[in-house]
Amino acid sequence: GYDGGVSGSAIAVQSLECLVKAKAVGLRTPILSGGGIMSADEAHKRFSFGADAVSIGTLFLRKPWMPDRIQQEIDDRDRNPFGKPI
């Protein structure tokens, strides 16, 4: 009986569950995980659970400066002390 969609942090748990289920059945297609990615920690969690890429949507509307910060934080985590990719 509701109209519209669910987005933002309200859908993060369900999105992660879908990712886990897709990987558990052996899906080999690259997975773009989205829904509820509001921080670098959430994006990093998706990668650690097997996502090949992440999609950020609602965050662009709420905090348009954050996607760049998330990307930078992910890049920083993936580099060793000498600045080269691991």
PDB file of N, CA and C in Angstrom:
ATOM      1  N   GLY A   1       0.779  -1.195   0.000  1.00  0.00           N
ATOM      2  CA  GLY A   1       0.000   0.000   0.000  1.00  0.00           C
ATOM      3  C   GLY A   1       0.833   1.277   0.000  1.00  0.00           C
ATOM      4  N   TYR A   2       2.141   1.165  -0.178  1.00  0.00           N
ATOM      5  CA  TYR A   2       2.976   2.350  -0.195  1.00  0.00           C
ATOM      6  C   TYR A   2       3.453   2.642  -1.612  1.00  0.00           C
ATOM      7  N   ASP A   3       3.628   3.903  -1.910  1.00  0.00           N
ATOM      8  CA  ASP A   3       4.169   4.315  -3.202  1.00  0.00           C
ATOM      9  C   ASP A   3       5.584   4.822  -3.015  1.00  0.00           C
ATOM     10  N   GLY A   4       6.406   4.683  -4.029  1.00  0.00           N
ATOM     11  CA  GLY A   4       7.767   5.201  -3.969  1.00  0.00           C
ATOM     12  C   GLY A   4       8.770   4.118  -3.640  1.00  0.00           C
ATOM     13  N   GLY A   5       9.985   4.535  -3.471  1.00  0.00           N
ATOM     14  CA  GLY A   5      11.063   3.587  -3.222  1.00  0.00           C
ATOM     15  C   GLY A   5      11.726   3.832  -1.887  1.00  0.00           C
ATOM     16  N   VAL A   6      12.613   2.942  -1.548  1.00  0.00           N
ATOM     17  CA  VAL A   6      13.381   3.056  -0.318  1.00  0.00           C
ATOM     18  C   VAL A   6      14.818   3.349  -0.719  1.00  0.00           C
ATOM     19  N   SER A   7      15.429   4.298  -0.037  1.00  0.00           N
ATOM     20  CA  SER A   7      16.808   4.632  -0.363  1.00  0.00           C
ATOM     21  C   SER A   7      17.525   5.088   0.896  1.00  0.00           C
ATOM     22  N   GLY A   8      18.804   5.378   0.737  1.00  0.00           N
ATOM     23  CA  GLY A   8      19.596   5.833   1.865  1.00  0.00           C
ATOM     24  C   GLY A   8      19.884   4.720   2.848  1.00  0.00           C
ATOM     25  N   SER A   9      20.218   5.095   4.060  1.00  0.00           N
ATOM     26  CA  SER A   9      20.641   4.115   5.065  1.00  0.00           C
ATOM     27  C   SER A   9      19.542   3.118   5.408  1.00  0.00           C
ATOM     28  N   ALA A  10      18.278   3.440   5.127  1.00  0.00           N
ATOM     29  CA  ALA A  10      17.175   2.533   5.429  1.00  0.00           C
ATOM     30  C   ALA A  10      17.256   1.228   4.641  1.00  0.00           C
ATOM     31  N   ILE A  11      17.980   1.203   3.555  1.00  0.00           N
ATOM     32  CA  ILE A  11      18.052   0.002   2.722  1.00  0.00           C
ATOM     33  C   ILE A  11      19.409  -0.700   2.806  1.00  0.00           C
ATOM     34  N   ALA A  12      20.331  -0.174   3.578  1.00  0.00           N
ATOM     35  CA  ALA A  12      21.695  -0.715   3.635  1.00  0.00           C
ATOM     36  C   ALA A  12      21.735  -2.180   4.042  1.00  0.00           C
ATOM     37  N   VAL A  13      20.973  -2.568   5.052  1.00  0.00           N
ATOM     38  CA  VAL A  13      21.000  -3.953   5.535  1.00  0.00           C
ATOM     39  C   VAL A  13      20.506  -4.904   4.449  1.00  0.00           C
ATOM     40  N   GLN A  14      19.404  -4.564   3.804  1.00  0.00           N
ATOM     41  CA  GLN A  14      18.856  -5.428   2.758  1.00  0.00           C
ATOM     42  C   GLN A  14      19.804  -5.524   1.566  1.00  0.00           C
ATOM     43  N   SER A  15      20.441  -4.426   1.207  1.00  0.00           N
ATOM     44  CA  SER A  15      21.380  -4.435   0.078  1.00  0.00           C
ATOM     45  C   SER A  15      22.573  -5.339   0.363  1.00  0.00           C
ATOM     46  N   LEU A  16      23.081  -5.260   1.581  1.00  0.00           N
ATOM     47  CA  LEU A  16      24.206  -6.119   1.957  1.00  0.00           C
ATOM     48  C   LEU A  16      23.785  -7.584   1.968  1.00  0.00           C
ATOM     49  N   GLU A  17      22.583  -7.868   2.465  1.00  0.00           N
ATOM     50  CA  GLU A  17      22.080  -9.247   2.466  1.00  0.00           C
ATOM     51  C   GLU A  17      21.980  -9.794   1.040  1.00  0.00           C
ATOM     52  N   CYS A  18      21.519  -8.979   0.115  1.00  0.00           N
ATOM     53  CA  CYS A  18      21.424  -9.414  -1.288  1.00  0.00           C
ATOM     54  C   CYS A  18      22.802  -9.713  -1.855  1.00  0.00           C
ATOM     55  N   LEU A  19      23.773  -8.883  -1.538  1.00  0.00           N
ATOM     56  CA  LEU A  19      25.146  -9.112  -1.997  1.00  0.00           C
ATOM     57  C   LEU A  19      25.673 -10.433  -1.456  1.00  0.00           C
ATOM     58  N   VAL A  20      25.480 -10.659  -0.174  1.00  0.00           N
ATOM     59  CA  VAL A  20      25.951 -11.897   0.457  1.00  0.00           C
ATOM     60  C   VAL A  20      25.289 -13.110  -0.180  1.00  0.00           C
ATOM     61  N   LYS A  21      23.992 -13.045  -0.421  1.00  0.00           N
ATOM     62  CA  LYS A  21      23.265 -14.168  -1.040  1.00  0.00           C
ATOM     63  C   LYS A  21      23.756 -14.421  -2.468  1.00  0.00           C
ATOM     64  N   ALA A  22      23.981 -13.357  -3.229  1.00  0.00           N
ATOM     65  CA  ALA A  22      24.462 -13.511  -4.601  1.00  0.00           C
ATOM     66  C   ALA A  22      25.823 -14.193  -4.627  1.00  0.00           C
ATOM     67  N   LYS A  23      26.704 -13.800  -3.716  1.00  0.00           N
ATOM     68  CA  LYS A  23      28.029 -14.422  -3.657  1.00  0.00           C
ATOM     69  C   LYS A  23      27.941 -15.863  -3.155  1.00  0.00           C
ATOM     70  N   ALA A  24      27.010 -16.134  -2.241  1.00  0.00           N
ATOM     71  CA  ALA A  24      26.868 -17.472  -1.660  1.00  0.00           C
ATOM     72  C   ALA A  24      26.424 -18.506  -2.691  1.00  0.00           C
ATOM     73  N   VAL A  25      25.639 -18.090  -3.668  1.00  0.00           N
ATOM     74  CA  VAL A  25      25.189 -19.032  -4.695  1.00  0.00           C
ATOM     75  C   VAL A  25      26.199 -19.159  -5.827  1.00  0.00           C
ATOM     76  N   GLY A  26      27.299 -18.437  -5.715  1.00  0.00           N
ATOM     77  CA  GLY A  26      28.363 -18.566  -6.698  1.00  0.00           C
ATOM     78  C   GLY A  26      28.207 -17.698  -7.925  1.00  0.00           C
ATOM     79  N   LEU A  27      27.428 -16.647  -7.839  1.00  0.00           N
ATOM     80  CA  LEU A  27      27.271 -15.734  -8.966  1.00  0.00           C
ATOM     81  C   LEU A  27      28.635 -15.208  -9.383  1.00  0.00           C
ATOM     82  N   ARG A  28      28.948 -15.333 -10.652  1.00  0.00           N
ATOM     83  CA  ARG A  28      30.264 -14.924 -11.143  1.00  0.00           C
ATOM     84  C   ARG A  28      30.220 -13.621 -11.929  1.00  0.00           C
ATOM     85  N   THR A  29      29.031 -13.116 -12.188  1.00  0.00           N
ATOM     86  CA  THR A  29      28.877 -11.844 -12.874  1.00  0.00           C
ATOM     87  C   THR A  29      29.368 -10.728 -11.951  1.00  0.00           C
ATOM     88  N   PRO A  30      30.084  -9.742 -12.469  1.00  0.00           N
ATOM     89  CA  PRO A  30      30.494  -8.632 -11.606  1.00  0.00           C
ATOM     90  C   PRO A  30      29.279  -7.990 -10.936  1.00  0.00           C
ATOM     91  N   ILE A  31      29.432  -7.648  -9.678  1.00  0.00           N
ATOM     92  CA  ILE A  31      28.320  -7.109  -8.898  1.00  0.00           C
ATOM     93  C   ILE A  31      28.569  -5.642  -8.558  1.00  0.00           C
ATOM     94  N   LEU A  32      27.598  -4.812  -8.905  1.00  0.00           N
ATOM     95  CA  LEU A  32      27.567  -3.405  -8.532  1.00  0.00           C
ATOM     96  C   LEU A  32      26.603  -3.315  -7.355  1.00  0.00           C
ATOM     97  N   SER A  33      27.112  -3.021  -6.179  1.00  0.00           N
ATOM     98  CA  SER A  33      26.299  -2.981  -4.971  1.00  0.00           C
ATOM     99  C   SER A  33      25.947  -1.539  -4.633  1.00  0.00           C
ATOM    100  N   GLY A  34      24.682  -1.279  -4.451  1.00  0.00           N
ATOM    101  CA  GLY A  34      24.214   0.047  -4.091  1.00  0.00           C
ATOM    102  C   GLY A  34      23.113  -0.057  -3.055  1.00  0.00           C
ATOM    103  N   GLY A  35      22.713   1.076  -2.561  1.00  0.00           N
ATOM    104  CA  GLY A  35      21.649   1.112  -1.572  1.00  0.00           C
ATOM    105  C   GLY A  35      22.199   1.299  -0.173  1.00  0.00           C
ATOM    106  N   GLY A  36      22.134   2.508   0.312  1.00  0.00           N
ATOM    107  CA  GLY A  36      22.540   2.774   1.677  1.00  0.00           C
ATOM    108  C   GLY A  36      24.005   3.051   1.888  1.00  0.00           C
ATOM    109  N   ILE A  37      24.739   3.305   0.833  1.00  0.00           N
ATOM    110  CA  ILE A  37      26.163   3.599   0.994  1.00  0.00           C
ATOM    111  C   ILE A  37      26.292   5.086   1.307  1.00  0.00           C
ATOM    112  N   MET A  38      26.484   5.356   2.599  1.00  0.00           N
ATOM    113  CA  MET A  38      26.538   6.732   3.077  1.00  0.00           C
ATOM    114  C   MET A  38      27.893   7.072   3.694  1.00  0.00           C
ATOM    115  N   SER A  39      28.840   6.101   3.643  1.00  0.00           N
ATOM    116  CA  SER A  39      30.162   6.332   4.232  1.00  0.00           C
ATOM    117  C   SER A  39      31.186   5.439   3.556  1.00  0.00           C
ATOM    118  N   ALA A  40      32.451   5.771   3.755  1.00  0.00           N
ATOM    119  CA  ALA A  40      33.529   4.937   3.227  1.00  0.00           C
ATOM    120  C   ALA A  40      33.519   3.572   3.902  1.00  0.00           C
ATOM    121  N   ASP A  41      33.151   3.522   5.174  1.00  0.00           N
ATOM    122  CA  ASP A  41      33.089   2.233   5.870  1.00  0.00           C
ATOM    123  C   ASP A  41      32.077   1.303   5.214  1.00  0.00           C
ATOM    124  N   GLU A  42      30.913   1.837   4.841  1.00  0.00           N
ATOM    125  CA  GLU A  42      29.896   1.015   4.189  1.00  0.00           C
ATOM    126  C   GLU A  42      30.374   0.570   2.812  1.00  0.00           C
ATOM    127  N   ALA A  43      31.001   1.459   2.063  1.00  0.00           N
ATOM    128  CA  ALA A  43      31.532   1.085   0.754  1.00  0.00           C
ATOM    129  C   ALA A  43      32.601   0.007   0.901  1.00  0.00           C
ATOM    130  N   HIS A  44      33.488   0.191   1.845  1.00  0.00           N
ATOM    131  CA  HIS A  44      34.553  -0.781   2.075  1.00  0.00           C
ATOM    132  C   HIS A  44      33.956  -2.132   2.486  1.00  0.00           C
ATOM    133  N   LYS A  45      32.895  -2.109   3.286  1.00  0.00           N
ATOM    134  CA  LYS A  45      32.221  -3.346   3.699  1.00  0.00           C
ATOM    135  C   LYS A  45      31.693  -4.093   2.474  1.00  0.00           C
ATOM    136  N   ARG A  46      31.103  -3.349   1.533  1.00  0.00           N
ATOM    137  CA  ARG A  46      30.567  -3.994   0.321  1.00  0.00           C
ATOM    138  C   ARG A  46      31.689  -4.659  -0.477  1.00  0.00           C
ATOM    139  N   PHE A  47      32.829  -3.967  -0.591  1.00  0.00           N
ATOM    140  CA  PHE A  47      33.951  -4.565  -1.302  1.00  0.00           C
ATOM    141  C   PHE A  47      34.435  -5.812  -0.560  1.00  0.00           C
ATOM    142  N   SER A  48      34.478  -5.762   0.748  1.00  0.00           N
ATOM    143  CA  SER A  48      34.964  -6.915   1.523  1.00  0.00           C
ATOM    144  C   SER A  48      34.012  -8.101   1.428  1.00  0.00           C
ATOM    145  N   PHE A  49      32.737  -7.858   1.127  1.00  0.00           N
ATOM    146  CA  PHE A  49      31.776  -8.939   0.951  1.00  0.00           C
ATOM    147  C   PHE A  49      31.652  -9.373  -0.507  1.00  0.00           C
ATOM    148  N   GLY A  50      32.490  -8.812  -1.392  1.00  0.00           N
ATOM    149  CA  GLY A  50      32.558  -9.313  -2.751  1.00  0.00           C
ATOM    150  C   GLY A  50      32.054  -8.410  -3.857  1.00  0.00           C
ATOM    151  N   ALA A  51      31.618  -7.204  -3.536  1.00  0.00           N
ATOM    152  CA  ALA A  51      31.175  -6.294  -4.603  1.00  0.00           C
ATOM    153  C   ALA A  51      32.371  -5.906  -5.469  1.00  0.00           C
ATOM    154  N   ASP A  52      32.122  -5.801  -6.756  1.00  0.00           N
ATOM    155  CA  ASP A  52      33.161  -5.364  -7.689  1.00  0.00           C
ATOM    156  C   ASP A  52      33.174  -3.845  -7.830  1.00  0.00           C
ATOM    157  N   ALA A  53      32.049  -3.224  -7.534  1.00  0.00           N
ATOM    158  CA  ALA A  53      31.910  -1.771  -7.584  1.00  0.00           C
ATOM    159  C   ALA A  53      30.757  -1.380  -6.668  1.00  0.00           C
ATOM    160  N   VAL A  54      30.693  -0.116  -6.308  1.00  0.00           N
ATOM    161  CA  VAL A  54      29.575   0.373  -5.512  1.00  0.00           C
ATOM    162  C   VAL A  54      28.917   1.542  -6.229  1.00  0.00           C
ATOM    163  N   SER A  55      27.658   1.734  -5.920  1.00  0.00           N
ATOM    164  CA  SER A  55      26.873   2.812  -6.509  1.00  0.00           C
ATOM    165  C   SER A  55      26.378   3.722  -5.393  1.00  0.00           C
ATOM    166  N   ILE A  56      26.586   5.006  -5.571  1.00  0.00           N
ATOM    167  CA  ILE A  56      26.149   5.989  -4.581  1.00  0.00           C
ATOM    168  C   ILE A  56      25.096   6.870  -5.231  1.00  0.00           C
ATOM    169  N   GLY A  57      23.938   6.989  -4.586  1.00  0.00           N
ATOM    170  CA  GLY A  57      22.861   7.787  -5.165  1.00  0.00           C
ATOM    171  C   GLY A  57      22.335   8.839  -4.217  1.00  0.00           C
ATOM    172  N   THR A  58      21.615   8.413  -3.181  1.00  0.00           N
ATOM    173  CA  THR A  58      20.969   9.340  -2.251  1.00  0.00           C
ATOM    174  C   THR A  58      21.966  10.304  -1.633  1.00  0.00           C
ATOM    175  N   LEU A  59      23.160   9.829  -1.371  1.00  0.00           N
ATOM    176  CA  LEU A  59      24.173  10.672  -0.746  1.00  0.00           C
ATOM    177  C   LEU A  59      24.469  11.919  -1.576  1.00  0.00           C
ATOM    178  N   PHE A  60      24.388  11.793  -2.908  1.00  0.00           N
ATOM    179  CA  PHE A  60      24.614  12.956  -3.772  1.00  0.00           C
ATOM    180  C   PHE A  60      23.594  14.065  -3.499  1.00  0.00           C
ATOM    181  N   LEU A  61      22.384  13.671  -3.114  1.00  0.00           N
ATOM    182  CA  LEU A  61      21.346  14.659  -2.828  1.00  0.00           C
ATOM    183  C   LEU A  61      21.485  15.247  -1.431  1.00  0.00           C
ATOM    184  N   ARG A  62      21.843  14.408  -0.474  1.00  0.00           N
ATOM    185  CA  ARG A  62      21.911  14.846   0.920  1.00  0.00           C
ATOM    186  C   ARG A  62      23.216  15.555   1.270  1.00  0.00           C
ATOM    187  N   LYS A  63      24.316  15.022   0.798  1.00  0.00           N
ATOM    188  CA  LYS A  63      25.640  15.576   1.104  1.00  0.00           C
ATOM    189  C   LYS A  63      26.507  15.454  -0.146  1.00  0.00           C
ATOM    190  N   PRO A  64      26.335  16.334  -1.113  1.00  0.00           N
ATOM    191  CA  PRO A  64      27.011  16.185  -2.403  1.00  0.00           C
ATOM    192  C   PRO A  64      28.539  16.198  -2.347  1.00  0.00           C
ATOM    193  N   TRP A  65      29.127  16.635  -1.266  1.00  0.00           N
ATOM    194  CA  TRP A  65      30.585  16.637  -1.135  1.00  0.00           C
ATOM    195  C   TRP A  65      31.130  15.290  -0.657  1.00  0.00           C
ATOM    196  N   MET A  66      30.271  14.434  -0.117  1.00  0.00           N
ATOM    197  CA  MET A  66      30.726  13.187   0.487  1.00  0.00           C
ATOM    198  C   MET A  66      31.228  12.124  -0.497  1.00  0.00           C
ATOM    199  N   PRO A  67      30.649  11.960  -1.678  1.00  0.00           N
ATOM    200  CA  PRO A  67      31.173  10.930  -2.578  1.00  0.00           C
ATOM    201  C   PRO A  67      32.665  11.089  -2.877  1.00  0.00           C
ATOM    202  N   ASP A  68      33.122  12.317  -3.057  1.00  0.00           N
ATOM    203  CA  ASP A  68      34.559  12.528  -3.282  1.00  0.00           C
ATOM    204  C   ASP A  68      35.374  12.108  -2.062  1.00  0.00           C
ATOM    205  N   ARG A  69      34.881  12.420  -0.884  1.00  0.00           N
ATOM    206  CA  ARG A  69      35.580  12.028   0.344  1.00  0.00           C
ATOM    207  C   ARG A  69      35.620  10.511   0.500  1.00  0.00           C
ATOM    208  N   ILE A  70      34.511   9.860   0.164  1.00  0.00           N
ATOM    209  CA  ILE A  70      34.458   8.403   0.238  1.00  0.00           C
ATOM    210  C   ILE A  70      35.481   7.796  -0.716  1.00  0.00           C
ATOM    211  N   GLN A  71      35.524   8.311  -1.948  1.00  0.00           N
ATOM    212  CA  GLN A  71      36.488   7.797  -2.930  1.00  0.00           C
ATOM    213  C   GLN A  71      37.911   7.970  -2.434  1.00  0.00           C
ATOM    214  N   GLN A  72      38.219   9.130  -1.882  1.00  0.00           N
ATOM    215  CA  GLN A  72      39.565   9.393  -1.377  1.00  0.00           C
ATOM    216  C   GLN A  72      39.906   8.455  -0.222  1.00  0.00           C
ATOM    217  N   GLU A  73      38.960   8.229   0.674  1.00  0.00           N
ATOM    218  CA  GLU A  73      39.205   7.346   1.810  1.00  0.00           C
ATOM    219  C   GLU A  73      39.432   5.902   1.350  1.00  0.00           C
ATOM    220  N   ILE A  74      38.677   5.467   0.365  1.00  0.00           N
ATOM    221  CA  ILE A  74      38.870   4.116  -0.186  1.00  0.00           C
ATOM    222  C   ILE A  74      40.238   4.020  -0.852  1.00  0.00           C
ATOM    223  N   ASP A  75      40.598   5.024  -1.626  1.00  0.00           N
ATOM    224  CA  ASP A  75      41.914   5.032  -2.267  1.00  0.00           C
ATOM    225  C   ASP A  75      43.027   4.977  -1.219  1.00  0.00           C
ATOM    226  N   ASP A  76      42.878   5.747  -0.157  1.00  0.00           N
ATOM    227  CA  ASP A  76      43.886   5.762   0.903  1.00  0.00           C
ATOM    228  C   ASP A  76      44.018   4.401   1.576  1.00  0.00           C
ATOM    229  N   ARG A  77      42.903   3.710   1.772  1.00  0.00           N
ATOM    230  CA  ARG A  77      42.935   2.385   2.404  1.00  0.00           C
ATOM    231  C   ARG A  77      43.626   1.361   1.516  1.00  0.00           C
ATOM    232  N   ASP A  78      43.524   1.555   0.218  1.00  0.00           N
ATOM    233  CA  ASP A  78      44.068   0.584  -0.732  1.00  0.00           C
ATOM    234  C   ASP A  78      45.518   0.856  -1.111  1.00  0.00           C
ATOM    235  N   ARG A  79      46.141   1.815  -0.472  1.00  0.00           N
ATOM    236  CA  ARG A  79      47.529   2.148  -0.789  1.00  0.00           C
ATOM    237  C   ARG A  79      48.436   1.794   0.387  1.00  0.00           C
ATOM    238  N   ASN A  80      49.631   1.411   0.056  1.00  0.00           N
ATOM    239  CA  ASN A  80      50.600   1.153   1.115  1.00  0.00           C
ATOM    240  C   ASN A  80      51.271   2.479   1.509  1.00  0.00           C
ATOM    241  N   PRO A  81      52.162   2.497   2.479  1.00  0.00           N
ATOM    242  CA  PRO A  81      52.784   3.751   2.925  1.00  0.00           C
ATOM    243  C   PRO A  81      53.548   4.495   1.829  1.00  0.00           C
ATOM    244  N   PHE A  82      53.882   3.807   0.746  1.00  0.00           N
ATOM    245  CA  PHE A  82      54.638   4.461  -0.334  1.00  0.00           C
ATOM    246  C   PHE A  82      53.735   5.006  -1.428  1.00  0.00           C
ATOM    247  N   GLY A  83      52.415   4.904  -1.245  1.00  0.00           N
ATOM    248  CA  GLY A  83      51.468   5.490  -2.180  1.00  0.00           C
ATOM    249  C   GLY A  83      51.197   4.638  -3.416  1.00  0.00           C
ATOM    250  N   LYS A  84      51.627   3.385  -3.413  1.00  0.00           N
ATOM    251  CA  LYS A  84      51.380   2.518  -4.563  1.00  0.00           C
ATOM    252  C   LYS A  84      50.241   1.565  -4.243  1.00  0.00           C
ATOM    253  N   PRO A  85      49.421   1.213  -5.236  1.00  0.00           N
ATOM    254  CA  PRO A  85      48.333   0.268  -4.976  1.00  0.00           C
ATOM    255  C   PRO A  85      48.882  -1.060  -4.448  1.00  0.00           C
ATOM    256  N   ILE A  86      48.126  -1.637  -3.551  1.00  0.00           N
ATOM    257  CA  ILE A  86      48.518  -2.948  -2.995  1.00  0.00           C
ATOM    258  C   ILE A  86      48.137  -4.049  -3.960  1.00  0.00           C
TER     259      ILE A  86
END
